[in-house]
Protein backbone atom coordinates (compact mmCIF):
# COMPACT_ATOMS: atom_id res chain seq x y z
CA MET A 1 -12.80 -20.40 -19.98
CA ASP A 2 -16.23 -20.48 -18.29
CA GLU A 3 -16.76 -24.20 -17.88
CA VAL A 4 -15.86 -26.37 -14.92
CA HIS A 5 -14.03 -29.36 -16.38
CA GLY A 6 -13.14 -32.77 -14.97
CA THR A 7 -15.29 -35.66 -13.79
CA ALA A 8 -12.80 -37.76 -11.69
CA ALA A 9 -13.13 -37.61 -7.95
CA ALA A 10 -11.17 -34.80 -6.26
CA THR A 11 -10.30 -34.05 -2.74
CA ASP A 12 -9.52 -30.92 -0.77
CA GLU A 13 -6.21 -30.25 0.98
CA ASP A 14 -7.36 -32.38 3.93
CA GLY A 15 -8.33 -35.35 1.74
CA ARG A 16 -12.12 -34.79 1.90
CA PRO A 17 -14.05 -35.33 -1.34
CA TYR A 18 -15.49 -32.52 -3.37
CA ALA A 19 -19.00 -33.01 -4.46
CA ASN A 20 -20.21 -34.21 -7.87
CA GLY A 21 -16.67 -35.24 -8.98
CA PHE A 22 -15.57 -31.56 -9.01
CA LYS A 23 -12.02 -30.96 -9.96
CA PRO A 24 -10.55 -27.47 -9.73
CA ALA A 25 -10.98 -25.84 -13.13
CA VAL A 26 -8.19 -24.49 -15.37
CA TYR A 27 -8.03 -24.04 -19.11
CA ASP A 28 -8.58 -27.13 -21.21
CA TRP A 29 -5.48 -28.79 -19.74
CA ASP A 30 -4.63 -32.45 -20.04
CA GLY A 31 -2.05 -32.11 -17.32
CA TRP A 32 1.00 -31.70 -19.66
CA THR A 33 3.98 -29.78 -18.24
CA CYS A 34 7.42 -29.08 -19.48
CA GLU A 35 8.70 -32.14 -17.66
CA ASP A 36 6.51 -34.47 -19.62
CA ASP A 37 8.75 -35.52 -22.54
CA CYS A 38 9.21 -32.03 -23.86
CA THR A 39 11.34 -32.86 -26.83
CA VAL A 40 13.10 -29.43 -26.92
CA CYS A 41 13.73 -28.92 -23.23
CA THR A 42 14.98 -32.49 -22.64
CA ILE A 43 18.09 -31.69 -24.67
CA GLY A 44 18.95 -28.74 -22.51
CA ALA A 45 17.19 -25.85 -24.28
CA ASP A 46 15.53 -23.04 -22.37
CA CYS A 47 11.73 -22.99 -22.19
CA ALA A 48 11.87 -19.58 -23.99
CA ASP A 49 13.36 -21.39 -27.05
CA CYS A 50 10.59 -24.03 -26.87
CA ARG A 51 7.42 -23.46 -28.82
CA ALA A 52 5.37 -25.92 -26.69
CA CYS A 53 6.40 -24.27 -23.39
CA THR A 54 5.89 -20.78 -24.83
CA ASP A 55 2.44 -21.61 -26.07
CA PHE A 56 1.42 -23.46 -22.93
CA ALA A 57 2.52 -20.67 -20.55
CA PHE A 58 1.36 -17.68 -22.66
CA PRO A 59 0.99 -14.83 -21.66
CA TYR A 60 3.10 -15.77 -18.67
CA PRO A 61 6.89 -16.53 -18.85
CA PRO A 62 7.68 -19.71 -20.91
CA HIS A 63 9.66 -21.25 -17.93
CA TRP A 64 6.40 -21.24 -15.93
CA ALA A 65 5.45 -24.23 -17.97
CA ARG A 66 7.98 -26.06 -15.85
CA THR A 67 7.00 -27.08 -12.37
CA TRP A 68 8.79 -24.95 -9.78
CA GLN A 69 11.74 -26.65 -8.02
CA GLU A 70 13.19 -26.17 -4.58
CA GLY A 71 15.92 -23.50 -4.65
CA GLU A 72 14.46 -21.61 -7.63
CA PRO A 73 13.25 -18.00 -7.23
CA GLU A 74 9.76 -17.78 -5.81
CA ARG A 75 7.04 -17.08 -8.31
CA GLY A 76 4.76 -14.13 -7.74
CA VAL A 77 1.88 -12.31 -9.47
CA GLU A 78 1.37 -8.57 -9.07
CA ALA A 79 -1.96 -7.22 -10.17
CA PHE A 80 -2.23 -3.59 -11.25
CA GLY A 81 1.59 -3.40 -11.33
CA GLY A 82 1.69 0.17 -12.71
CA PRO A 83 5.18 1.40 -13.74
CA GLY A 84 6.86 -0.94 -11.19
CA GLY A 85 7.08 0.99 -7.98
CA MET A 86 6.24 -2.10 -5.78
CA SER A 87 8.63 -4.17 -7.81
CA ALA A 88 11.35 -1.58 -7.43
CA GLY A 89 11.05 -1.75 -3.72
CA ARG A 90 10.76 -5.54 -3.63
CA GLU A 91 14.06 -5.78 -5.47
CA LEU A 92 15.80 -3.89 -2.76
CA VAL A 93 15.13 -6.76 -0.34
CA ASP A 94 14.63 -9.76 -2.68
CA ASP A 95 16.36 -9.46 -6.05
CA GLY A 96 15.90 -13.18 -6.75
CA GLY A 97 12.17 -13.23 -7.15
CA ASP A 98 10.36 -14.36 -10.28
CA TRP A 99 7.39 -12.06 -10.76
CA VAL A 100 4.80 -11.25 -13.41
CA LEU A 101 3.14 -7.79 -13.41
CA ILE A 102 -0.37 -7.27 -14.82
CA GLU A 103 -1.01 -3.84 -16.06
CA GLN A 104 -3.47 -2.33 -18.54
CA ASN A 105 -2.09 1.18 -19.10
CA ARG A 106 0.33 0.86 -22.04
CA ASP A 107 2.77 3.51 -20.89
CA ALA A 108 2.98 2.04 -17.36
CA ALA A 109 3.38 -1.40 -18.87
CA ALA A 110 6.16 -0.18 -21.19
CA THR A 111 7.91 1.53 -18.27
CA ALA A 112 7.83 -1.62 -16.17
CA ARG A 113 9.14 -3.62 -19.07
CA ALA A 114 11.93 -1.21 -19.49
CA ALA A 115 12.81 -1.55 -15.80
CA GLY A 116 13.27 -5.35 -16.53
CA HIS A 117 10.00 -6.85 -15.47
CA TRP A 118 7.82 -9.43 -17.22
CA VAL A 119 4.53 -7.57 -17.93
CA VAL A 120 1.24 -8.96 -19.12
CA GLU A 121 -0.38 -5.86 -20.68
CA ALA A 122 -4.12 -6.51 -20.34
CA ASP A 123 -7.29 -5.68 -18.50
CA ILE A 124 -7.08 -7.99 -15.52
CA ARG A 125 -10.71 -9.01 -16.03
CA THR A 126 -9.81 -10.69 -19.29
CA LEU A 127 -7.40 -13.06 -17.49
CA ASP A 128 -8.35 -16.25 -15.73
CA PRO A 129 -6.22 -16.91 -12.52
CA ARG A 130 -6.87 -20.61 -12.98
CA HIS A 131 -4.36 -20.80 -15.86
CA PRO A 132 -2.16 -23.87 -15.35
CA ALA A 133 1.07 -21.79 -15.76
CA LEU A 134 0.15 -20.09 -12.46
CA ARG A 135 -0.05 -23.33 -10.38
CA CYS A 136 3.29 -22.68 -8.67
CA THR A 137 2.62 -19.06 -7.53
CA ARG A 138 3.65 -18.40 -3.98
CA ARG A 139 3.20 -14.64 -3.67
CA PHE A 140 0.43 -12.26 -4.68
CA HIS A 141 0.33 -8.43 -4.52
CA GLY A 142 -2.31 -6.01 -5.77
CA SER A 143 -2.64 -2.29 -6.04
CA PRO A 144 -6.21 -1.77 -7.30
CA PRO A 145 -7.15 1.59 -8.89
CA CYS A 146 -7.93 4.24 -6.27
CA GLN A 147 -9.66 6.88 -8.36
CA THR A 148 -13.14 6.20 -6.94
CA LEU A 149 -11.76 6.35 -3.45
CA SER A 150 -9.33 9.16 -3.57
CA ASP A 151 -10.07 12.82 -2.49
CA GLY A 152 -9.23 14.07 -5.94
CA GLY A 153 -11.86 11.88 -7.73
CA LYS A 154 -15.66 11.85 -7.65
CA ARG A 155 -15.65 9.59 -4.56
CA SER A 156 -18.29 7.27 -5.99
CA ALA A 157 -16.83 4.49 -3.82
CA TRP A 158 -17.89 6.43 -0.75
CA ASN A 159 -21.61 5.51 -1.40
CA SER A 160 -22.63 3.52 1.60
CA GLN A 161 -25.30 1.60 -0.16
CA GLU A 162 -23.02 0.56 -2.98
CA ILE A 163 -20.33 -0.43 -0.54
CA SER A 164 -22.73 -2.48 1.53
CA GLU A 165 -23.86 -4.44 -1.51
CA LEU A 166 -20.25 -4.97 -2.67
CA GLN A 167 -19.25 -6.13 0.77
CA SER A 168 -22.04 -8.73 0.86
CA ILE A 169 -20.93 -10.01 -2.54
CA MET A 170 -17.22 -10.27 -1.47
CA TRP A 171 -18.39 -12.18 1.58
CA GLN A 172 -19.54 -14.92 -0.86
CA ALA A 173 -16.06 -15.36 -2.49
CA SER A 174 -15.21 -18.32 -0.31
CA GLU A 175 -18.40 -20.10 -1.29
CA ALA A 176 -18.12 -19.07 -4.96
CA PHE A 177 -14.54 -20.47 -5.29
CA GLY A 178 -14.81 -23.66 -3.21
CA PHE A 179 -13.62 -22.70 0.25
CA LEU A 180 -16.76 -22.98 2.28
CA GLU A 181 -16.48 -25.95 4.59
CA VAL A 182 -19.64 -27.80 5.63
CA ASP A 183 -20.35 -30.73 7.91
CA ASP A 184 -22.40 -32.68 5.36
CA LEU A 185 -22.09 -32.86 1.64
CA CYS A 186 -24.38 -35.89 1.48
CA SER A 187 -27.25 -34.45 -0.59
CA LEU A 188 -24.76 -33.22 -3.28
CA TYR A 189 -23.74 -36.81 -3.84
CA GLY A 190 -27.30 -38.04 -4.19
CA GLY A 191 -27.49 -39.32 -0.58
CA PRO A 192 -30.39 -39.13 1.86
CA HIS A 193 -29.36 -36.07 3.90
CA HIS A 194 -30.02 -32.31 3.52
CA TYR A 195 -27.37 -29.73 4.04
CA TYR A 196 -28.08 -29.64 7.79
CA GLY A 197 -28.05 -33.54 8.10
CA ASP A 198 -31.76 -34.20 8.44
CA VAL A 199 -33.29 -36.90 6.14
CA ILE A 200 -34.75 -35.83 2.85
CA ASP A 201 -38.41 -36.63 2.40
CA GLY A 202 -38.90 -39.87 0.52
CA MET A 203 -35.32 -41.09 1.45
CA GLU A 204 -36.24 -42.64 4.76
CA ASP A 205 -35.57 -46.13 3.43
CA HIS A 206 -32.09 -45.32 2.25
CA PRO A 207 -29.56 -47.55 4.01
CA ASP A 208 -27.65 -44.46 5.23
CA ALA A 209 -30.78 -42.60 6.27
CA HIS A 210 -30.10 -42.99 9.95
CA GLY A 211 -26.35 -43.34 9.90
CA TRP A 212 -23.32 -42.20 7.87
CA GLY A 213 -22.24 -43.59 4.63
CA GLU A 214 -18.84 -43.22 2.90
CA LEU A 215 -19.75 -39.81 1.45
CA CYS A 216 -21.83 -38.46 4.30
CA GLY A 217 -18.90 -36.62 5.98
CA GLY A 218 -17.91 -33.07 5.69
CA GLY A 219 -15.96 -31.21 3.08
CA HIS A 220 -15.97 -28.10 0.95
CA LEU A 221 -18.85 -27.08 -1.27
CA PRO A 222 -17.78 -27.20 -4.82
CA PRO A 223 -17.15 -23.80 -6.56
CA CYS A 224 -20.33 -22.41 -7.97
CA MET A 225 -19.01 -19.48 -10.00
CA THR A 226 -16.31 -18.76 -12.53
CA PRO A 227 -14.11 -15.63 -12.06
CA ALA A 228 -15.92 -14.01 -15.01
CA ALA A 229 -19.33 -14.55 -13.39
CA PHE A 230 -18.07 -13.27 -9.97
CA ARG A 231 -16.64 -10.18 -11.62
CA GLU A 232 -19.93 -9.47 -13.32
CA TRP A 233 -21.77 -9.87 -10.06
CA ALA A 234 -19.39 -7.43 -8.24
CA ALA A 235 -19.64 -4.88 -11.05
CA SER A 236 -23.46 -4.97 -10.90
CA ALA A 237 -23.41 -3.55 -7.32
CA VAL A 238 -21.48 -0.28 -8.07
CA SER A 239 -21.91 2.66 -10.38
CA ASP A 240 -18.21 2.83 -11.29
CA GLU A 241 -16.70 -0.59 -12.40
CA ARG A 242 -13.35 0.44 -11.04
CA THR A 243 -14.62 0.06 -7.48
CA ALA A 244 -15.52 -3.57 -8.28
CA LEU A 245 -11.84 -4.27 -9.06
CA MET A 246 -11.37 -4.60 -5.32
CA ALA A 247 -12.91 -8.08 -5.74
CA GLU A 248 -9.79 -9.11 -7.65
CA MET A 249 -8.00 -9.23 -4.33
CA LEU A 250 -10.11 -12.31 -3.45
CA ILE A 251 -10.64 -13.67 -6.96
CA TRP A 252 -6.97 -14.22 -7.73
CA PRO A 253 -5.73 -15.67 -4.39
CA MET A 254 -8.68 -18.04 -4.07
CA CYS A 255 -8.48 -19.24 -7.68
CA LEU A 256 -4.74 -19.74 -7.37
CA VAL A 257 -5.17 -21.89 -4.27
CA GLN A 258 -8.05 -23.61 -5.97
CA ILE A 259 -5.73 -24.97 -8.74
CA GLY A 260 -3.17 -26.06 -6.19
CA ALA A 261 -0.81 -23.02 -6.10
CA PRO A 262 1.18 -22.97 -2.85
CA LEU A 263 0.26 -19.38 -2.07
CA VAL A 264 1.71 -18.16 1.23
CA SER A 265 1.25 -14.33 1.19
CA ILE A 266 -1.01 -11.63 -0.08
CA THR A 267 -0.15 -7.94 0.13
CA MET A 268 -2.18 -4.96 -1.00
CA GLU A 269 -1.86 -1.23 -1.45
CA GLN A 270 -4.80 1.15 -1.76
CA SER A 271 -5.87 4.74 -1.00
CA ALA A 272 -5.95 5.53 2.73
CA ASN A 273 -9.58 6.29 2.13
CA LEU A 274 -10.25 2.56 1.79
CA LEU A 275 -9.92 2.44 5.56
CA LYS A 276 -10.99 5.88 6.45
CA GLN A 277 -14.13 6.04 4.33
CA THR A 278 -15.04 2.46 3.13
CA PRO A 279 -13.75 0.18 5.90
CA ALA A 280 -16.45 -2.37 5.05
CA LEU A 281 -14.53 -3.41 1.95
CA ALA A 282 -11.38 -4.00 3.98
CA GLU A 283 -13.43 -6.02 6.49
CA ALA A 284 -14.81 -8.20 3.72
CA ILE A 285 -11.34 -8.99 2.44
CA GLN A 286 -9.94 -9.59 5.90
CA SER A 287 -12.83 -11.84 6.92
CA GLU A 288 -12.65 -13.97 3.83
CA ILE A 289 -8.87 -14.46 4.33
CA THR A 290 -8.90 -15.28 8.04
CA SER A 291 -12.25 -16.77 8.88
CA VAL A 292 -12.80 -20.53 9.04
CA GLU A 293 -15.55 -20.16 6.44
CA GLY A 294 -12.99 -18.64 4.08
CA PHE A 295 -9.17 -19.22 3.71
CA GLY A 296 -8.55 -19.60 7.40
CA TRP A 297 -5.13 -17.98 7.13
CA ALA A 298 -3.00 -17.16 10.15
CA TRP A 299 -2.68 -13.40 9.68
CA CYS A 300 -4.29 -10.45 7.97
CA SER A 301 -3.51 -6.95 9.06
CA TRP A 302 -4.55 -3.49 7.86
CA GLN A 303 -2.90 -0.16 8.56
CA ILE A 304 -2.18 3.22 7.06
CA ALA A 305 1.40 4.04 6.47
CA ASP A 306 3.23 7.16 5.00
CA ALA A 307 6.21 6.64 2.59
CA ALA A 308 7.82 9.74 4.21
CA ASP A 309 8.11 7.78 7.45
CA PHE A 310 10.19 5.11 5.58
CA GLY A 311 12.62 7.32 3.66
CA ALA A 312 10.79 9.23 0.91
CA ALA A 313 11.09 13.01 0.44
CA THR A 314 7.34 13.43 -0.06
CA HIS A 315 4.37 12.16 1.84
CA ARG A 316 2.36 9.26 0.33
CA GLU A 317 -0.17 7.92 2.79
CA ARG A 318 -1.66 4.63 1.79
CA ALA A 319 -3.66 1.75 3.26
CA TRP A 320 -1.68 -1.48 3.35
CA MET A 321 -2.77 -5.12 3.97
CA VAL A 322 -0.50 -7.98 4.77
CA ALA A 323 -1.71 -11.54 4.89
CA THR A 324 0.21 -14.73 5.58
CA ARG A 325 -0.98 -18.32 5.35
CA TYR A 326 0.83 -20.25 8.04
CA GLU A 327 2.41 -17.86 10.49
CA GLN A 328 2.83 -14.24 11.44
CA PRO A 329 4.80 -12.09 9.01
CA ARG A 330 8.07 -10.50 9.84
CA TYR A 331 7.68 -7.26 11.93
CA ALA A 332 4.30 -8.54 13.37
CA ASP A 333 3.09 -6.28 16.08
CA HIS A 334 0.03 -6.42 18.24
CA VAL A 335 -1.68 -3.29 19.46
CA ASP A 336 -4.86 -2.13 21.22
CA GLY A 337 -7.47 -2.60 18.51
CA GLN A 338 -10.10 -0.42 20.02
CA ALA A 339 -7.65 2.45 20.51
CA ALA A 340 -6.44 2.04 16.88
CA ALA A 341 -10.11 2.15 15.70
CA ARG A 342 -10.86 5.28 17.66
CA GLU A 343 -7.81 6.95 16.14
CA MET A 344 -8.54 5.71 12.53
CA PHE A 345 -12.20 6.73 12.74
CA ALA A 346 -12.02 9.90 14.86
CA HIS A 347 -13.86 11.70 12.06
CA VAL A 348 -16.67 9.21 12.26
CA LEU A 349 -16.88 9.33 16.02
CA LYS A 350 -17.07 13.07 15.95
CA LYS A 351 -19.94 12.92 13.48
CA THR A 352 -22.02 9.98 14.71
CA GLY A 353 -20.70 9.23 18.14
CA LYS A 354 -19.89 5.67 17.28
CA LEU A 355 -17.49 3.52 15.26
CA PRO A 356 -18.37 2.26 11.79
CA ASP A 357 -20.68 -0.83 11.78
CA TRP A 358 -18.19 -2.71 9.65
CA MET A 359 -14.45 -2.34 9.90
CA PRO A 360 -11.47 -4.71 9.84
CA GLU A 361 -9.76 -5.72 13.05
CA LEU A 362 -6.99 -3.28 13.73
CA ASP A 363 -5.32 -5.09 16.65
CA ARG A 364 -2.43 -6.15 14.54
CA ARG A 365 -0.04 -4.53 12.09
CA ILE A 366 3.47 -4.66 10.83
CA GLU A 367 6.09 -2.40 12.43
CA PRO A 368 9.20 -2.49 10.09
CA TYR A 369 11.44 -0.36 12.39
CA GLN A 370 11.26 -2.83 15.36
CA GLY A 371 12.65 -0.13 17.73
CA ARG A 372 15.46 0.94 15.40
CA PRO A 373 16.15 4.63 14.66
CA ALA A 374 13.96 6.11 11.97
CA LEU A 375 15.57 6.77 8.62
CA PRO A 376 16.57 10.41 8.10
CA VAL A 377 13.89 12.90 7.24
CA VAL A 378 14.58 14.23 3.72
CA THR A 379 13.36 17.55 2.52
CA VAL A 380 12.48 18.48 -0.98
CA ALA A 381 15.55 20.80 -1.07
CA GLU A 382 17.87 17.93 -0.06
CA ALA A 383 16.33 15.52 -2.49
CA LEU A 384 16.66 17.88 -5.46
CA ASN A 385 19.90 19.57 -4.37
CA LEU A 386 18.20 23.00 -4.08
CA PRO A 387 18.73 25.74 -1.60
CA ALA A 388 16.70 25.15 1.61
CA THR A 389 15.50 28.79 1.50
CA TRP A 390 13.80 28.32 -1.84
CA TRP A 391 10.07 27.85 -2.50
CA ALA A 392 8.03 25.81 -5.02
CA ASP A 393 4.86 27.08 -6.83
CA THR A 394 2.50 24.48 -8.04
CA ARG A 395 0.30 27.07 -9.61
CA GLY A 396 0.95 30.23 -11.68
CA LYS A 397 1.03 33.78 -10.43
CA ARG A 398 -1.94 34.77 -8.29
CA LYS A 399 -3.31 37.90 -6.64
CA VAL A 400 -2.34 38.69 -3.04
CA ASN A 401 -4.97 38.66 -0.42
CA PRO A 402 -4.72 42.15 1.20
CA LYS A 403 -5.82 40.84 4.60
CA THR A 404 -3.21 38.14 4.85
CA GLY A 405 -0.55 39.38 2.49
CA ARG A 406 -0.39 35.82 0.93
CA PRO A 407 -1.31 34.70 -2.59
CA ASN A 408 -4.84 33.43 -3.02
CA GLY A 409 -5.49 29.75 -3.46
CA GLY A 410 -2.36 28.21 -1.95
CA GLY A 411 -0.20 26.08 -4.12
CA SER A 412 3.19 27.24 -2.79
CA PHE A 413 5.37 25.55 -0.19
CA PRO A 414 8.93 25.92 1.20
CA LEU A 415 11.55 23.36 0.22
CA ASN A 416 12.99 22.95 3.68
CA ARG A 417 10.39 20.33 4.65
CA VAL A 418 9.11 16.94 3.41
CA GLY A 419 6.87 17.61 0.38
CA MET A 420 3.21 17.04 -0.04
CA CYS A 421 2.06 14.03 -1.98
CA VAL A 422 3.15 14.28 -5.61
CA THR A 423 0.28 14.67 -8.03
CA ALA A 424 0.21 14.83 -11.75
CA PRO A 425 0.03 18.70 -12.01
CA TRP A 426 3.40 18.91 -10.27
CA TYR A 427 5.13 18.66 -13.66
CA GLY A 428 4.41 22.37 -13.95
CA ILE A 429 6.12 23.36 -10.66
CA LYS A 430 8.46 26.39 -10.73
CA PHE A 431 11.16 26.89 -8.06
CA ARG A 432 12.22 30.29 -6.86
CA PRO A 433 14.33 32.02 -4.21
CA ALA A 434 12.33 33.38 -1.24
CA ASP A 435 12.89 36.92 -2.40
CA VAL A 436 11.34 36.27 -5.81
CA PRO A 437 7.55 36.97 -5.96
CA GLN A 438 5.18 34.08 -6.01
CA GLY A 439 4.61 32.75 -9.59
CA GLU A 440 7.79 34.37 -10.98
CA GLY A 441 10.20 31.46 -10.52
CA THR A 442 12.05 30.32 -13.54
CA THR A 443 13.64 26.99 -12.38
CA THR A 444 11.50 24.07 -13.60
CA VAL A 445 11.16 20.55 -12.34
CA SER A 446 12.06 17.52 -14.50
CA LEU A 447 10.23 14.27 -14.71
CA PRO A 448 13.22 12.41 -13.11
CA ASP A 449 12.92 14.95 -10.26
CA LEU A 450 9.34 13.95 -9.64
CA GLY A 451 10.29 10.25 -9.57
CA VAL A 452 13.07 11.00 -7.15
CA LEU A 453 10.67 12.75 -4.79
CA VAL A 454 8.46 9.64 -4.76
CA GLY A 455 11.51 7.30 -4.26
CA PHE A 456 12.47 6.15 -7.75
CA ARG A 457 16.10 6.22 -8.92
CA ARG A 458 16.94 9.16 -11.13
CA ASP A 459 17.59 6.99 -14.17
CA TYR A 460 14.32 5.07 -13.90
CA PRO A 461 13.13 4.42 -17.46
CA TRP A 462 9.83 6.37 -17.60
CA THR A 463 8.35 5.63 -20.92
CA TYR A 464 5.66 7.27 -23.09
CA ILE A 465 4.39 5.75 -26.26
CA PRO A 466 3.27 8.74 -28.43
CA ALA A 467 -0.41 8.73 -29.18
CA ARG A 468 0.26 11.32 -31.93
CA ALA A 469 3.12 12.86 -33.76
CA GLY A 470 5.10 15.24 -31.60
CA ALA A 471 3.45 14.23 -28.32
CA LYS A 472 5.88 14.29 -25.45
CA GLY A 473 3.65 12.63 -22.80
CA THR A 474 4.83 14.87 -19.91
CA ARG A 475 1.41 14.83 -18.24
CA ASN A 476 1.01 11.12 -18.81
CA ILE A 477 4.37 10.31 -17.12
CA ALA A 478 3.64 12.72 -14.29
CA GLN A 479 0.38 10.80 -13.76
CA MET A 480 2.23 7.53 -13.61
CA ILE A 481 4.59 8.84 -11.01
CA ALA A 482 1.76 10.21 -9.00
CA ASP A 483 -0.09 6.89 -8.99
CA ALA A 484 2.92 4.60 -8.39
CA VAL A 485 3.71 2.79 -5.14
CA SER A 486 6.78 4.45 -3.51
CA PRO A 487 9.72 1.97 -3.70
CA PHE A 488 10.42 2.82 -0.06
CA MET A 489 7.09 1.35 1.05
CA GLY A 490 7.37 -1.44 -1.41
CA ALA A 491 10.61 -2.56 0.22
CA ALA A 492 9.23 -2.37 3.85
CA ILE A 493 6.03 -4.25 3.00
CA SER A 494 7.74 -6.83 0.82
CA ALA A 495 10.30 -7.55 3.46
CA ALA A 496 7.49 -8.42 5.84
CA VAL A 497 6.71 -11.54 3.75
CA GLN A 498 9.86 -12.32 1.71
CA GLY A 499 13.52 -11.63 1.23
CA GLU A 500 15.83 -9.98 3.69
CA ASP A 501 15.26 -7.29 6.34
CA TRP A 502 14.54 -3.95 4.73
CA TYR A 503 16.48 -1.58 7.00
CA LYS A 504 20.02 -1.71 5.72
CA PRO A 505 19.38 -1.96 1.98
CA VAL A 506 16.79 0.88 2.11
CA SER A 507 18.99 2.97 4.22
CA SER A 508 21.81 2.62 1.69
CA TYR A 509 19.35 3.23 -1.14
CA GLN A 510 18.03 6.42 0.50
CA ALA A 511 21.57 7.73 1.14
CA ALA A 512 22.48 7.20 -2.40
CA LEU A 513 19.32 8.50 -3.97
CA TYR A 514 19.21 11.71 -1.98
CA ARG A 515 23.03 12.16 -1.65
CA LEU A 516 22.70 12.47 2.10
CA HIS A 517 26.50 12.64 2.37
CA ARG A 518 26.45 15.99 0.55
CA LYS A 519 25.00 19.31 1.56
CA ALA A 520 22.77 21.11 -0.93
CA GLU A 521 24.68 23.74 -2.94
CA THR A 522 23.08 26.89 -4.05
CA ASN A 523 24.69 26.62 -7.44
CA GLY A 524 24.55 22.85 -7.77
CA ARG A 525 21.47 22.76 -9.96
CA PRO A 526 22.15 20.99 -13.33
CA GLU A 527 21.33 22.83 -16.50
CA ALA A 528 17.97 22.12 -18.14
CA GLU A 529 19.64 20.07 -20.93
CA GLU A 530 21.34 17.81 -18.47
CA GLN A 531 18.11 17.32 -16.44
CA LEU A 532 16.08 15.39 -19.12
CA THR A 533 17.38 13.59 -22.11
CA LEU A 534 15.13 10.74 -21.27
CA PHE A 535 12.66 10.97 -24.11
CA GLY A 536 14.97 11.13 -27.12
CA LYS A 537 14.48 8.76 -29.98
CA GLN A 538 17.19 6.32 -28.99
CA THR A 539 15.91 5.93 -25.38
CA LEU A 540 12.39 5.36 -26.62
CA LEU A 541 13.53 2.66 -28.97
CA ARG A 542 15.60 0.97 -26.20
CA THR A 543 12.60 1.05 -23.97
CA LEU A 544 10.17 -0.34 -26.47
CA PHE A 545 12.50 -3.23 -27.40
CA ALA A 546 13.87 -3.98 -23.93
CA PRO A 547 14.72 -7.64 -23.24
CA ARG A 548 12.43 -10.00 -21.43
CA THR A 549 9.23 -8.34 -22.66
CA ALA A 550 5.98 -10.08 -22.70
CA PRO A 551 4.38 -10.47 -26.22
CA PRO A 552 2.40 -7.39 -27.35
CA ALA A 553 -1.18 -7.28 -26.17
CA ALA A 554 -2.33 -7.26 -29.74
CA ASP A 555 -0.83 -10.69 -30.40
CA TRP A 556 -3.15 -12.52 -28.04
CA LYS A 557 -6.83 -12.62 -26.93
CA PRO A 558 -8.33 -13.32 -23.54
CA ALA A 559 -9.76 -16.68 -22.87
CA VAL A 560 -13.55 -16.96 -23.23
């Protein structure tokens, strides 16, 4: 929907009128909800059994046609939900939430469905966050694609000119979606005053020319762009449209609040390079959330955190944002912002002698430990029940450098330490005893093993929908695992804004996942047939027809 509907007078949250009779735009909605004489639901049926509710809420859960009631699970939307890593962590601290995940990749969407989540399988840019079924959303999380930011990609998002242009566009989000407060809306109502309050030429004889009439007071400028138009504008500034998806972190929260959703928190996960290499984008999001010209929220913090510091057996360093509307989040911590900036941008200082021109304020962060002992450090050997003296080879056999006596090209590491960040090629890892030459190991890694290293339970339902006969999807699933949010970090960040404290449930989860009560046994490795029976026919069928699935993407079309 690209038109702004409604002609009746509307007011902002402080009771001030919007201009020109603006009313927050949603689909062509007459205000009907499930409570309005729904003939099916009034006799006690579930919304899922009601065609009216299902059609109204589609593609979201049918019961979202009903207005949220006190005591019900909080509703949340997770953009770029992937295979469900953030959700898996969130469930450790708040298993009563009512969340919808939006994910375009069909295998990731199928995996998240198999894990029990409601998934809208779609390109997020085809969805309008002003859908009336979203009017009761209280939480929002997003993990935008990081390929243009990561070291492993082409780094197109590191282009300073593109980032400057996208930053300028994102600064306009508050005005685009109706959050720019001004002192005088008079001229928009046909009154005698300009934006700054001076009298318009030819209006000197107007009765309110030298005073204030009923509509001469302040308010918010009405929204001037639809989500589709803003997306197009953002994409025009960058060479890779995936970089422009960062704008969704403002489009969705602002449009949700615009339609009256009681949104109280926004969290975000991205490549650490968002802060290290393109801090201007983080600054744009933070300024729009906290400034009086934008949301005016109470808190928005940025920091880099490593999943290995919160229980995972492999490193996964990511940039995290936590924003709360009314008060500080749980685990709020204040630090020396200048010292934090000098540490964050040491590489910039070394090169230019000064800090970046644009960067978010780093004087606040969340500190989930709050002085408590850190969770145990888990090595790869402990996580996979392998001998601590063994090694892993991520590449095949290589020639030895005669000067160093080591294989050329790296790609080998000992298992008696926390592992490097899991990447897609890890599905080809071979393990070997220390006395076996590099590249000659015979013990392979399973896909469940890779998931465990990131922090997923061993029976997590990784799912691949074959693109051709006989395809196993090993690389596809390994890529999913490599891209996913670690559940350990998902729990710590989620607990900052909802649910219970993360420490005890995550400590128990870590101990069970990595069998910390047991010592690794040299002969405790399961046989290959035991390692992976995950992709047999029956498991695939169970996954594809798991309960609580959203309707197939092919059955619906985006609003236009």
